[in-house]
């Protein structure tokens, strides 16, 4: 069995985080709050992808990829996708 599986989530910024990170852009540096938000979104998308693979009876997921895109002002989708395989 070889089948494409995916998991996704849509995350939005909260007002407090957006304000503090907006101030950070004035002085430069890493936007750690957004970094953490995207790491959590990738983890959730990965978890959902693995759950889909488990539902299909897969033994593993290979060739995993991640993508993100803006959905609307202040919201982004993160998707994880890969090939679910079953060993014979």
C-alpha atoms as a PDB file:
ATOM      1  CA  UNK A   1       0.000   0.000   0.000  1.00  0.00           C
ATOM      2  CA  UNK A   2       1.266   3.457  -0.933  1.00  0.00           C
ATOM      3  CA  UNK A   3      -1.066   6.368  -0.265  1.00  0.00           C
ATOM      4  CA  UNK A   4      -0.754  10.113   0.327  1.00  0.00           C
ATOM      5  CA  UNK A   5      -1.683  11.202   3.860  1.00  0.00           C
ATOM      6  CA  UNK A   6      -1.915  14.702   5.253  1.00  0.00           C
ATOM      7  CA  UNK A   7      -2.693  16.698   8.332  1.00  0.00           C
ATOM      8  CA  UNK A   8      -3.277  20.407   8.665  1.00  0.00           C
ATOM      9  CA  UNK A   9      -4.176  23.181  11.049  1.00  0.00           C
ATOM     10  CA  UNK A  10      -4.989  26.857  10.736  1.00  0.00           C
ATOM     11  CA  UNK A  11      -3.505  29.155  13.350  1.00  0.00           C
ATOM     12  CA  UNK A  12      -4.251  32.802  13.978  1.00  0.00           C
ATOM     13  CA  UNK A  13      -2.351  35.438  15.869  1.00  0.00           C
ATOM     14  CA  UNK A  14      -3.768  36.750  19.100  1.00  0.00           C
ATOM     15  CA  UNK A  15      -3.912  40.484  19.696  1.00  0.00           C
ATOM     16  CA  UNK A  16      -1.418  40.570  22.594  1.00  0.00           C
ATOM     17  CA  UNK A  17       1.121  38.442  20.723  1.00  0.00           C
ATOM     18  CA  UNK A  18       0.687  40.524  17.581  1.00  0.00           C
ATOM     19  CA  UNK A  19       1.263  43.755  19.507  1.00  0.00           C
ATOM     20  CA  UNK A  20       4.419  42.569  21.275  1.00  0.00           C
ATOM     21  CA  UNK A  21       5.858  41.007  18.149  1.00  0.00           C
ATOM     22  CA  UNK A  22       5.052  44.185  16.206  1.00  0.00           C
ATOM     23  CA  UNK A  23       7.159  46.151  18.670  1.00  0.00           C
ATOM     24  CA  UNK A  24       9.972  43.613  18.204  1.00  0.00           C
ATOM     25  CA  UNK A  25      10.112  44.422  14.480  1.00  0.00           C
ATOM     26  CA  UNK A  26      11.215  47.944  15.374  1.00  0.00           C
ATOM     27  CA  UNK A  27      14.460  46.718  16.949  1.00  0.00           C
ATOM     28  CA  UNK A  28      14.947  43.508  14.985  1.00  0.00           C
ATOM     29  CA  UNK A  29      15.614  39.977  16.119  1.00  0.00           C
ATOM     30  CA  UNK A  30      13.808  36.682  16.251  1.00  0.00           C
ATOM     31  CA  UNK A  31      10.043  36.726  16.714  1.00  0.00           C
ATOM     32  CA  UNK A  32       9.983  33.919  19.270  1.00  0.00           C
ATOM     33  CA  UNK A  33       6.231  34.010  19.927  1.00  0.00           C
ATOM     34  CA  UNK A  34       5.529  33.407  16.232  1.00  0.00           C
ATOM     35  CA  UNK A  35       8.300  30.839  16.076  1.00  0.00           C
ATOM     36  CA  UNK A  36       6.655  28.926  18.925  1.00  0.00           C
ATOM     37  CA  UNK A  37       3.227  29.222  17.304  1.00  0.00           C
ATOM     38  CA  UNK A  38       4.530  27.767  14.030  1.00  0.00           C
ATOM     39  CA  UNK A  39       6.370  24.940  15.843  1.00  0.00           C
ATOM     40  CA  UNK A  40       3.132  24.011  17.631  1.00  0.00           C
ATOM     41  CA  UNK A  41       1.219  24.177  14.339  1.00  0.00           C
ATOM     42  CA  UNK A  42       3.744  21.861  12.620  1.00  0.00           C
ATOM     43  CA  UNK A  43       3.530  19.406  15.528  1.00  0.00           C
ATOM     44  CA  UNK A  44      -0.278  19.363  15.364  1.00  0.00           C
ATOM     45  CA  UNK A  45      -0.300  18.925  11.572  1.00  0.00           C
ATOM     46  CA  UNK A  46       2.209  16.060  11.910  1.00  0.00           C
ATOM     47  CA  UNK A  47       0.090  14.395  14.609  1.00  0.00           C
ATOM     48  CA  UNK A  48      -2.992  14.578  12.387  1.00  0.00           C
ATOM     49  CA  UNK A  49      -1.067  13.136   9.429  1.00  0.00           C
ATOM     50  CA  UNK A  50       0.154  10.197  11.555  1.00  0.00           C
ATOM     51  CA  UNK A  51      -3.386   9.599  12.825  1.00  0.00           C
ATOM     52  CA  UNK A  52      -4.645   9.394   9.238  1.00  0.00           C
ATOM     53  CA  UNK A  53      -1.864   6.936   8.368  1.00  0.00           C
ATOM     54  CA  UNK A  54      -2.715   4.804  11.413  1.00  0.00           C
ATOM     55  CA  UNK A  55      -6.381   4.770  10.393  1.00  0.00           C
ATOM     56  CA  UNK A  56      -5.326   3.365   7.014  1.00  0.00           C
ATOM     57  CA  UNK A  57      -3.200   0.669   8.665  1.00  0.00           C
ATOM     58  CA  UNK A  58       0.116   2.102   7.500  1.00  0.00           C
ATOM     59  CA  UNK A  59       3.392   1.009   9.080  1.00  0.00           C
ATOM     60  CA  UNK A  60       5.235   4.264   8.355  1.00  0.00           C
ATOM     61  CA  UNK A  61       5.071   7.625   6.639  1.00  0.00           C
ATOM     62  CA  UNK A  62       7.992   8.496   4.380  1.00  0.00           C
ATOM     63  CA  UNK A  63       9.032  11.547   2.375  1.00  0.00           C
ATOM     64  CA  UNK A  64       7.299  13.975   4.744  1.00  0.00           C
ATOM     65  CA  UNK A  65       6.947  17.576   3.607  1.00  0.00           C
ATOM     66  CA  UNK A  66       5.633  20.734   5.254  1.00  0.00           C
ATOM     67  CA  UNK A  67       4.043  23.779   3.669  1.00  0.00           C
ATOM     68  CA  UNK A  68       2.369  26.908   4.956  1.00  0.00           C
ATOM     69  CA  UNK A  69       0.230  29.567   3.387  1.00  0.00           C
ATOM     70  CA  UNK A  70      -1.662  32.670   4.424  1.00  0.00           C
ATOM     71  CA  UNK A  71      -5.386  32.027   4.621  1.00  0.00           C
ATOM     72  CA  UNK A  72      -6.440  35.553   5.519  1.00  0.00           C
ATOM     73  CA  UNK A  73      -5.007  38.566   7.322  1.00  0.00           C
ATOM     74  CA  UNK A  74      -3.468  37.202  10.518  1.00  0.00           C
ATOM     75  CA  UNK A  75      -4.077  33.472   9.881  1.00  0.00           C
ATOM     76  CA  UNK A  76      -1.937  30.787   8.302  1.00  0.00           C
ATOM     77  CA  UNK A  77      -2.406  27.126   7.416  1.00  0.00           C
ATOM     78  CA  UNK A  78       0.329  24.602   8.084  1.00  0.00           C
ATOM     79  CA  UNK A  79       0.095  21.259   6.290  1.00  0.00           C
ATOM     80  CA  UNK A  80       2.176  18.128   6.678  1.00  0.00           C
ATOM     81  CA  UNK A  81       1.963  15.454   4.001  1.00  0.00           C
ATOM     82  CA  UNK A  82       3.789  12.298   3.114  1.00  0.00           C
ATOM     83  CA  UNK A  83       3.512   8.800   1.698  1.00  0.00           C
ATOM     84  CA  UNK A  84       1.975   6.184   3.953  1.00  0.00           C
ATOM     85  CA  UNK A  85       3.404   2.704   3.373  1.00  0.00           C
ATOM     86  CA  UNK A  86       2.644  -0.778   4.614  1.00  0.00           C
ATOM     87  CA  UNK A  87       5.416  -3.356   4.706  1.00  0.00           C
ATOM     88  CA  UNK A  88       4.633  -6.743   3.245  1.00  0.00           C
END
